[in-house]
Amino acid sequence: MKLLLAFLISMLPLAASAQTKADYENTMQKFQHFYNNKQSDSLCKLFPPNYPRENTCFFPPGMLDTIMNKFGRMLSYKYIATDKNGSAYFKTVYTRSTQMTSLFLNNENKLKTVRLTNHSPYTDSLLLKH
């Protein structure tokens, strides 16, 4: 019993730092706004400073233009699920396609990973259900 209690107490910091559906939806709302307005500098600020290294941005203006030419504007997104590793999945509707987008947030609710298209048997089955 004491061992179980010690284990549960040791897990409290992890439970307190877990991101919620609202955290992911808030980040996705910001992402949609910055993406549709072609604000690559603001998209970059959704990531932690110096991530993955100094002066690096996953969405420089040229890359953002390429992505927008392929998918178009983001019309909507719908939260679908969060997996056991903490990645949240959204059904994302663009003017030219529908995708399963995944986000992973760090403890400060900054983007650690974003995948605009995420294809696997798991994500494809989620997309088909929704």
N, C-alpha and C. Protein backbone atom coordinates (compact mmCIF):
# COMPACT_ATOMS: atom_id res chain seq x y z
N MET A 1 0.82 -1.19 0.00
CA MET A 1 0.00 0.00 0.00
C MET A 1 0.87 1.26 0.00
N LYS A 2 1.92 1.25 0.84
CA LYS A 2 2.82 2.41 0.88
C LYS A 2 3.52 2.61 -0.45
N LEU A 3 3.87 1.50 -1.10
CA LEU A 3 4.53 1.57 -2.39
C LEU A 3 3.60 2.19 -3.44
N LEU A 4 2.35 1.80 -3.41
CA LEU A 4 1.37 2.36 -4.34
C LEU A 4 1.18 3.85 -4.09
N LEU A 5 1.09 4.24 -2.84
CA LEU A 5 0.93 5.65 -2.50
C LEU A 5 2.15 6.46 -2.95
N ALA A 6 3.33 5.93 -2.74
CA ALA A 6 4.55 6.62 -3.17
C ALA A 6 4.57 6.77 -4.69
N PHE A 7 4.15 5.74 -5.39
CA PHE A 7 4.10 5.80 -6.84
C PHE A 7 3.13 6.87 -7.31
N LEU A 8 1.94 6.90 -6.75
CA LEU A 8 0.93 7.88 -7.13
C LEU A 8 1.41 9.31 -6.86
N ILE A 9 2.04 9.53 -5.74
CA ILE A 9 2.56 10.85 -5.41
C ILE A 9 3.66 11.25 -6.39
N SER A 10 4.49 10.29 -6.78
CA SER A 10 5.57 10.60 -7.72
C SER A 10 5.04 10.93 -9.11
N MET A 11 3.84 10.49 -9.43
CA MET A 11 3.25 10.75 -10.74
C MET A 11 2.51 12.08 -10.81
N LEU A 12 2.27 12.74 -9.70
CA LEU A 12 1.53 14.01 -9.69
C LEU A 12 2.14 15.08 -10.59
N PRO A 13 3.45 15.29 -10.58
CA PRO A 13 4.00 16.32 -11.47
C PRO A 13 3.73 16.03 -12.94
N LEU A 14 3.73 14.76 -13.32
CA LEU A 14 3.44 14.41 -14.71
C LEU A 14 1.99 14.73 -15.05
N ALA A 15 1.09 14.42 -14.16
CA ALA A 15 -0.32 14.69 -14.41
C ALA A 15 -0.58 16.19 -14.47
N ALA A 16 0.11 16.94 -13.66
CA ALA A 16 -0.09 18.39 -13.64
C ALA A 16 0.44 19.06 -14.90
N SER A 17 1.42 18.44 -15.55
CA SER A 17 2.01 19.06 -16.72
C SER A 17 1.39 18.59 -18.03
N ALA A 18 0.46 17.67 -17.98
CA ALA A 18 -0.16 17.16 -19.20
C ALA A 18 -1.01 18.24 -19.87
N GLN A 19 -0.93 18.30 -21.18
CA GLN A 19 -1.70 19.28 -21.92
C GLN A 19 -3.14 18.79 -22.08
N THR A 20 -4.05 19.73 -22.11
CA THR A 20 -5.46 19.41 -22.23
C THR A 20 -5.92 19.61 -23.67
N LYS A 21 -7.11 19.14 -23.95
CA LYS A 21 -7.72 19.36 -25.25
C LYS A 21 -7.79 20.87 -25.53
N ALA A 22 -8.14 21.66 -24.52
CA ALA A 22 -8.22 23.12 -24.69
C ALA A 22 -6.86 23.72 -25.05
N ASP A 23 -5.79 23.21 -24.46
CA ASP A 23 -4.43 23.69 -24.80
C ASP A 23 -4.14 23.46 -26.28
N TYR A 24 -4.46 22.26 -26.75
CA TYR A 24 -4.21 21.94 -28.15
C TYR A 24 -5.10 22.75 -29.08
N GLU A 25 -6.37 22.90 -28.72
CA GLU A 25 -7.28 23.69 -29.56
C GLU A 25 -6.86 25.15 -29.62
N ASN A 26 -6.39 25.69 -28.51
CA ASN A 26 -5.91 27.08 -28.48
C ASN A 26 -4.70 27.24 -29.41
N THR A 27 -3.79 26.30 -29.37
CA THR A 27 -2.62 26.36 -30.24
C THR A 27 -3.03 26.21 -31.71
N MET A 28 -3.96 25.32 -31.98
CA MET A 28 -4.41 25.13 -33.36
C MET A 28 -5.13 26.37 -33.88
N GLN A 29 -5.88 27.05 -33.02
CA GLN A 29 -6.55 28.29 -33.41
C GLN A 29 -5.52 29.35 -33.81
N LYS A 30 -4.48 29.49 -33.01
CA LYS A 30 -3.41 30.43 -33.35
C LYS A 30 -2.72 30.02 -34.65
N PHE A 31 -2.45 28.72 -34.78
CA PHE A 31 -1.79 28.23 -35.97
C PHE A 31 -2.62 28.57 -37.21
N GLN A 32 -3.92 28.31 -37.17
CA GLN A 32 -4.79 28.59 -38.30
C GLN A 32 -4.75 30.08 -38.66
N HIS A 33 -4.85 30.93 -37.65
CA HIS A 33 -4.83 32.38 -37.90
C HIS A 33 -3.53 32.81 -38.56
N PHE A 34 -2.40 32.40 -37.99
CA PHE A 34 -1.10 32.80 -38.54
C PHE A 34 -0.86 32.18 -39.92
N TYR A 35 -1.26 30.93 -40.08
CA TYR A 35 -1.10 30.25 -41.37
C TYR A 35 -1.89 30.98 -42.45
N ASN A 36 -3.18 31.20 -42.22
CA ASN A 36 -4.03 31.83 -43.23
C ASN A 36 -3.61 33.26 -43.55
N ASN A 37 -2.99 33.94 -42.62
CA ASN A 37 -2.53 35.31 -42.83
C ASN A 37 -1.06 35.37 -43.26
N LYS A 38 -0.49 34.20 -43.54
CA LYS A 38 0.90 34.08 -44.00
C LYS A 38 1.88 34.80 -43.07
N GLN A 39 1.67 34.64 -41.77
CA GLN A 39 2.53 35.27 -40.76
C GLN A 39 3.55 34.24 -40.27
N SER A 40 4.55 34.00 -41.10
CA SER A 40 5.53 32.97 -40.75
C SER A 40 6.29 33.31 -39.48
N ASP A 41 6.54 34.60 -39.23
CA ASP A 41 7.25 34.98 -38.00
C ASP A 41 6.42 34.61 -36.77
N SER A 42 5.11 34.77 -36.84
CA SER A 42 4.25 34.41 -35.71
C SER A 42 4.14 32.90 -35.57
N LEU A 43 4.11 32.18 -36.68
CA LEU A 43 4.12 30.71 -36.61
C LEU A 43 5.38 30.24 -35.90
N CYS A 44 6.50 30.86 -36.21
CA CYS A 44 7.76 30.46 -35.59
C CYS A 44 7.74 30.70 -34.09
N LYS A 45 7.01 31.71 -33.64
CA LYS A 45 6.94 32.01 -32.20
C LYS A 45 6.07 31.02 -31.45
N LEU A 46 5.34 30.17 -32.16
CA LEU A 46 4.59 29.12 -31.49
C LEU A 46 5.51 28.01 -30.98
N PHE A 47 6.74 27.99 -31.48
CA PHE A 47 7.77 27.05 -31.04
C PHE A 47 8.59 27.69 -29.93
N PRO A 48 9.25 26.89 -29.09
CA PRO A 48 10.12 27.47 -28.07
C PRO A 48 11.26 28.26 -28.71
N PRO A 49 11.79 29.26 -28.00
CA PRO A 49 12.94 30.01 -28.54
C PRO A 49 14.10 29.05 -28.83
N ASN A 50 14.77 29.30 -29.93
CA ASN A 50 15.96 28.52 -30.32
C ASN A 50 15.64 27.05 -30.57
N TYR A 51 14.42 26.76 -31.03
CA TYR A 51 14.07 25.38 -31.29
C TYR A 51 13.95 25.15 -32.78
N PRO A 52 14.57 24.18 -33.38
CA PRO A 52 15.49 23.23 -32.78
C PRO A 52 16.89 23.79 -32.59
N ARG A 53 17.16 24.90 -33.27
CA ARG A 53 18.43 25.59 -33.03
C ARG A 53 18.21 27.06 -33.35
N GLU A 54 19.13 27.88 -32.91
CA GLU A 54 18.99 29.32 -33.06
C GLU A 54 18.79 29.73 -34.51
N ASN A 55 17.94 30.73 -34.70
CA ASN A 55 17.65 31.31 -36.02
C ASN A 55 17.10 30.29 -37.02
N THR A 56 16.36 29.31 -36.53
CA THR A 56 15.74 28.32 -37.40
C THR A 56 14.24 28.44 -37.25
N CYS A 57 13.55 28.40 -38.36
CA CYS A 57 12.10 28.42 -38.34
C CYS A 57 11.58 27.33 -39.26
N PHE A 58 10.61 26.58 -38.79
CA PHE A 58 10.03 25.53 -39.61
C PHE A 58 9.14 26.09 -40.72
N PHE A 59 8.73 27.34 -40.61
CA PHE A 59 7.82 27.93 -41.57
C PHE A 59 8.33 29.25 -42.11
N PRO A 60 9.51 29.25 -42.78
CA PRO A 60 9.96 30.50 -43.39
C PRO A 60 8.99 30.89 -44.51
N PRO A 61 8.99 32.17 -44.91
CA PRO A 61 8.01 32.62 -45.90
C PRO A 61 7.93 31.76 -47.16
N GLY A 62 9.04 31.37 -47.74
CA GLY A 62 9.02 30.56 -48.95
C GLY A 62 8.36 29.20 -48.74
N MET A 63 8.65 28.57 -47.60
CA MET A 63 8.05 27.28 -47.28
C MET A 63 6.55 27.43 -47.06
N LEU A 64 6.15 28.48 -46.38
CA LEU A 64 4.73 28.72 -46.13
C LEU A 64 3.98 28.91 -47.45
N ASP A 65 4.57 29.63 -48.38
CA ASP A 65 3.95 29.81 -49.71
C ASP A 65 3.79 28.46 -50.42
N THR A 66 4.79 27.61 -50.34
CA THR A 66 4.74 26.29 -50.97
C THR A 66 3.61 25.46 -50.36
N ILE A 67 3.52 25.47 -49.04
CA ILE A 67 2.47 24.71 -48.35
C ILE A 67 1.09 25.24 -48.73
N MET A 68 0.95 26.55 -48.74
CA MET A 68 -0.35 27.14 -49.08
C MET A 68 -0.73 26.87 -50.53
N ASN A 69 0.24 26.83 -51.44
CA ASN A 69 -0.06 26.49 -52.83
C ASN A 69 -0.54 25.05 -52.96
N LYS A 70 -0.04 24.18 -52.11
CA LYS A 70 -0.44 22.77 -52.16
C LYS A 70 -1.81 22.54 -51.50
N PHE A 71 -2.01 23.08 -50.29
CA PHE A 71 -3.22 22.79 -49.53
C PHE A 71 -4.29 23.88 -49.63
N GLY A 72 -3.87 25.11 -49.81
CA GLY A 72 -4.80 26.24 -49.78
C GLY A 72 -4.98 26.75 -48.36
N ARG A 73 -5.98 27.58 -48.17
CA ARG A 73 -6.28 28.13 -46.85
C ARG A 73 -6.85 27.05 -45.95
N MET A 74 -6.59 27.18 -44.65
CA MET A 74 -7.17 26.25 -43.68
C MET A 74 -8.57 26.76 -43.35
N LEU A 75 -9.57 25.97 -43.73
CA LEU A 75 -10.96 26.37 -43.52
C LEU A 75 -11.46 26.01 -42.13
N SER A 76 -11.07 24.82 -41.65
CA SER A 76 -11.54 24.38 -40.34
C SER A 76 -10.64 23.29 -39.79
N TYR A 77 -10.80 23.04 -38.52
CA TYR A 77 -10.11 21.93 -37.87
C TYR A 77 -11.04 21.40 -36.79
N LYS A 78 -10.89 20.12 -36.50
CA LYS A 78 -11.70 19.48 -35.47
C LYS A 78 -10.79 18.56 -34.67
N TYR A 79 -10.78 18.77 -33.36
CA TYR A 79 -10.01 17.90 -32.48
C TYR A 79 -10.58 16.49 -32.57
N ILE A 80 -9.68 15.50 -32.73
CA ILE A 80 -10.11 14.12 -32.86
C ILE A 80 -9.68 13.30 -31.64
N ALA A 81 -8.41 13.36 -31.28
CA ALA A 81 -7.91 12.51 -30.19
C ALA A 81 -6.52 12.96 -29.79
N THR A 82 -6.11 12.50 -28.63
CA THR A 82 -4.71 12.61 -28.18
C THR A 82 -4.22 11.20 -27.92
N ASP A 83 -3.06 10.85 -28.47
CA ASP A 83 -2.56 9.50 -28.29
C ASP A 83 -1.81 9.36 -26.97
N LYS A 84 -1.37 8.15 -26.67
CA LYS A 84 -0.71 7.87 -25.39
C LYS A 84 0.60 8.62 -25.22
N ASN A 85 1.19 9.10 -26.32
CA ASN A 85 2.45 9.85 -26.25
C ASN A 85 2.23 11.35 -26.12
N GLY A 86 0.98 11.80 -26.20
CA GLY A 86 0.69 13.22 -26.02
C GLY A 86 0.52 14.00 -27.31
N SER A 87 0.53 13.33 -28.46
CA SER A 87 0.28 14.02 -29.73
C SER A 87 -1.23 14.15 -29.92
N ALA A 88 -1.66 15.36 -30.27
CA ALA A 88 -3.08 15.60 -30.54
C ALA A 88 -3.30 15.57 -32.04
N TYR A 89 -4.43 15.01 -32.44
CA TYR A 89 -4.77 14.87 -33.86
C TYR A 89 -6.01 15.70 -34.18
N PHE A 90 -5.93 16.39 -35.31
CA PHE A 90 -7.02 17.23 -35.79
C PHE A 90 -7.35 16.86 -37.22
N LYS A 91 -8.64 16.77 -37.52
CA LYS A 91 -9.08 16.70 -38.90
C LYS A 91 -9.03 18.13 -39.40
N THR A 92 -8.21 18.38 -40.41
CA THR A 92 -7.97 19.73 -40.88
C THR A 92 -8.44 19.84 -42.33
N VAL A 93 -9.36 20.77 -42.56
CA VAL A 93 -9.92 20.95 -43.90
C VAL A 93 -9.31 22.21 -44.51
N TYR A 94 -8.67 22.01 -45.66
CA TYR A 94 -8.09 23.09 -46.44
C TYR A 94 -8.95 23.27 -47.69
N THR A 95 -8.71 24.32 -48.43
CA THR A 95 -9.49 24.52 -49.66
C THR A 95 -9.20 23.44 -50.70
N ARG A 96 -8.03 22.81 -50.65
CA ARG A 96 -7.67 21.82 -51.67
C ARG A 96 -7.59 20.39 -51.16
N SER A 97 -7.70 20.17 -49.85
CA SER A 97 -7.60 18.80 -49.32
C SER A 97 -8.06 18.75 -47.87
N THR A 98 -8.23 17.54 -47.39
CA THR A 98 -8.51 17.30 -45.98
C THR A 98 -7.38 16.43 -45.45
N GLN A 99 -6.82 16.82 -44.31
CA GLN A 99 -5.65 16.14 -43.77
C GLN A 99 -5.86 15.81 -42.29
N MET A 100 -5.05 14.88 -41.80
CA MET A 100 -4.95 14.63 -40.37
C MET A 100 -3.67 15.33 -39.92
N THR A 101 -3.83 16.34 -39.11
CA THR A 101 -2.70 17.14 -38.62
C THR A 101 -2.43 16.74 -37.17
N SER A 102 -1.16 16.64 -36.81
CA SER A 102 -0.82 16.31 -35.43
C SER A 102 0.06 17.40 -34.83
N LEU A 103 -0.17 17.64 -33.55
CA LEU A 103 0.61 18.61 -32.77
C LEU A 103 1.12 17.93 -31.51
N PHE A 104 2.30 18.34 -31.09
CA PHE A 104 2.82 17.91 -29.80
C PHE A 104 3.31 19.16 -29.09
N LEU A 105 2.84 19.39 -27.88
CA LEU A 105 3.21 20.58 -27.11
C LEU A 105 4.16 20.21 -25.99
N ASN A 106 5.06 21.15 -25.67
CA ASN A 106 5.92 20.96 -24.51
C ASN A 106 5.18 21.45 -23.25
N ASN A 107 5.85 21.46 -22.12
CA ASN A 107 5.21 21.84 -20.85
C ASN A 107 4.78 23.30 -20.80
N GLU A 108 5.34 24.15 -21.67
CA GLU A 108 4.95 25.56 -21.73
C GLU A 108 3.92 25.82 -22.83
N ASN A 109 3.34 24.75 -23.35
CA ASN A 109 2.35 24.83 -24.43
C ASN A 109 2.91 25.46 -25.71
N LYS A 110 4.19 25.24 -25.92
CA LYS A 110 4.83 25.63 -27.17
C LYS A 110 4.91 24.39 -28.06
N LEU A 111 4.80 24.60 -29.37
CA LEU A 111 4.87 23.48 -30.30
C LEU A 111 6.24 22.81 -30.26
N LYS A 112 6.22 21.54 -30.08
CA LYS A 112 7.44 20.77 -30.19
C LYS A 112 7.48 20.10 -31.55
N THR A 113 6.29 19.70 -32.03
CA THR A 113 6.17 19.08 -33.34
C THR A 113 4.83 19.47 -33.95
N VAL A 114 4.83 19.71 -35.24
CA VAL A 114 3.58 19.86 -35.99
C VAL A 114 3.76 19.12 -37.31
N ARG A 115 2.79 18.29 -37.63
CA ARG A 115 2.79 17.58 -38.91
C ARG A 115 1.48 17.92 -39.60
N LEU A 116 1.58 18.66 -40.68
CA LEU A 116 0.37 19.06 -41.39
C LEU A 116 -0.32 17.87 -42.04
N THR A 117 0.44 16.91 -42.46
CA THR A 117 -0.13 15.66 -42.98
C THR A 117 0.47 14.53 -42.19
N ASN A 118 -0.36 13.68 -41.70
CA ASN A 118 0.10 12.59 -40.85
C ASN A 118 -0.63 11.33 -41.31
N HIS A 119 0.08 10.46 -42.03
CA HIS A 119 -0.54 9.24 -42.54
C HIS A 119 0.09 8.01 -41.90
N SER A 120 -0.75 7.24 -41.27
CA SER A 120 -0.39 5.94 -40.73
C SER A 120 -1.71 5.17 -40.65
N PRO A 121 -1.66 3.88 -40.44
CA PRO A 121 -2.94 3.16 -40.28
C PRO A 121 -3.80 3.77 -39.17
N TYR A 122 -3.16 4.19 -38.07
CA TYR A 122 -3.90 4.78 -36.95
C TYR A 122 -4.57 6.10 -37.36
N THR A 123 -3.80 7.02 -37.94
CA THR A 123 -4.36 8.33 -38.28
C THR A 123 -5.35 8.23 -39.43
N ASP A 124 -5.09 7.34 -40.39
CA ASP A 124 -6.04 7.18 -41.48
C ASP A 124 -7.38 6.64 -40.97
N SER A 125 -7.34 5.75 -39.99
CA SER A 125 -8.59 5.22 -39.43
C SER A 125 -9.33 6.32 -38.66
N LEU A 126 -8.59 7.19 -37.98
CA LEU A 126 -9.24 8.32 -37.28
C LEU A 126 -9.91 9.25 -38.28
N LEU A 127 -9.23 9.52 -39.37
CA LEU A 127 -9.77 10.42 -40.39
C LEU A 127 -11.05 9.85 -41.02
N LEU A 128 -11.05 8.55 -41.25
CA LEU A 128 -12.24 7.92 -41.83
C LEU A 128 -13.44 7.95 -40.88
N LYS A 129 -13.18 7.86 -39.59
CA LYS A 129 -14.27 7.88 -38.60
C LYS A 129 -14.90 9.25 -38.44
N HIS A 130 -14.14 10.30 -38.77
CA HIS A 130 -14.63 11.66 -38.51
C HIS A 130 -14.74 12.39 -39.81
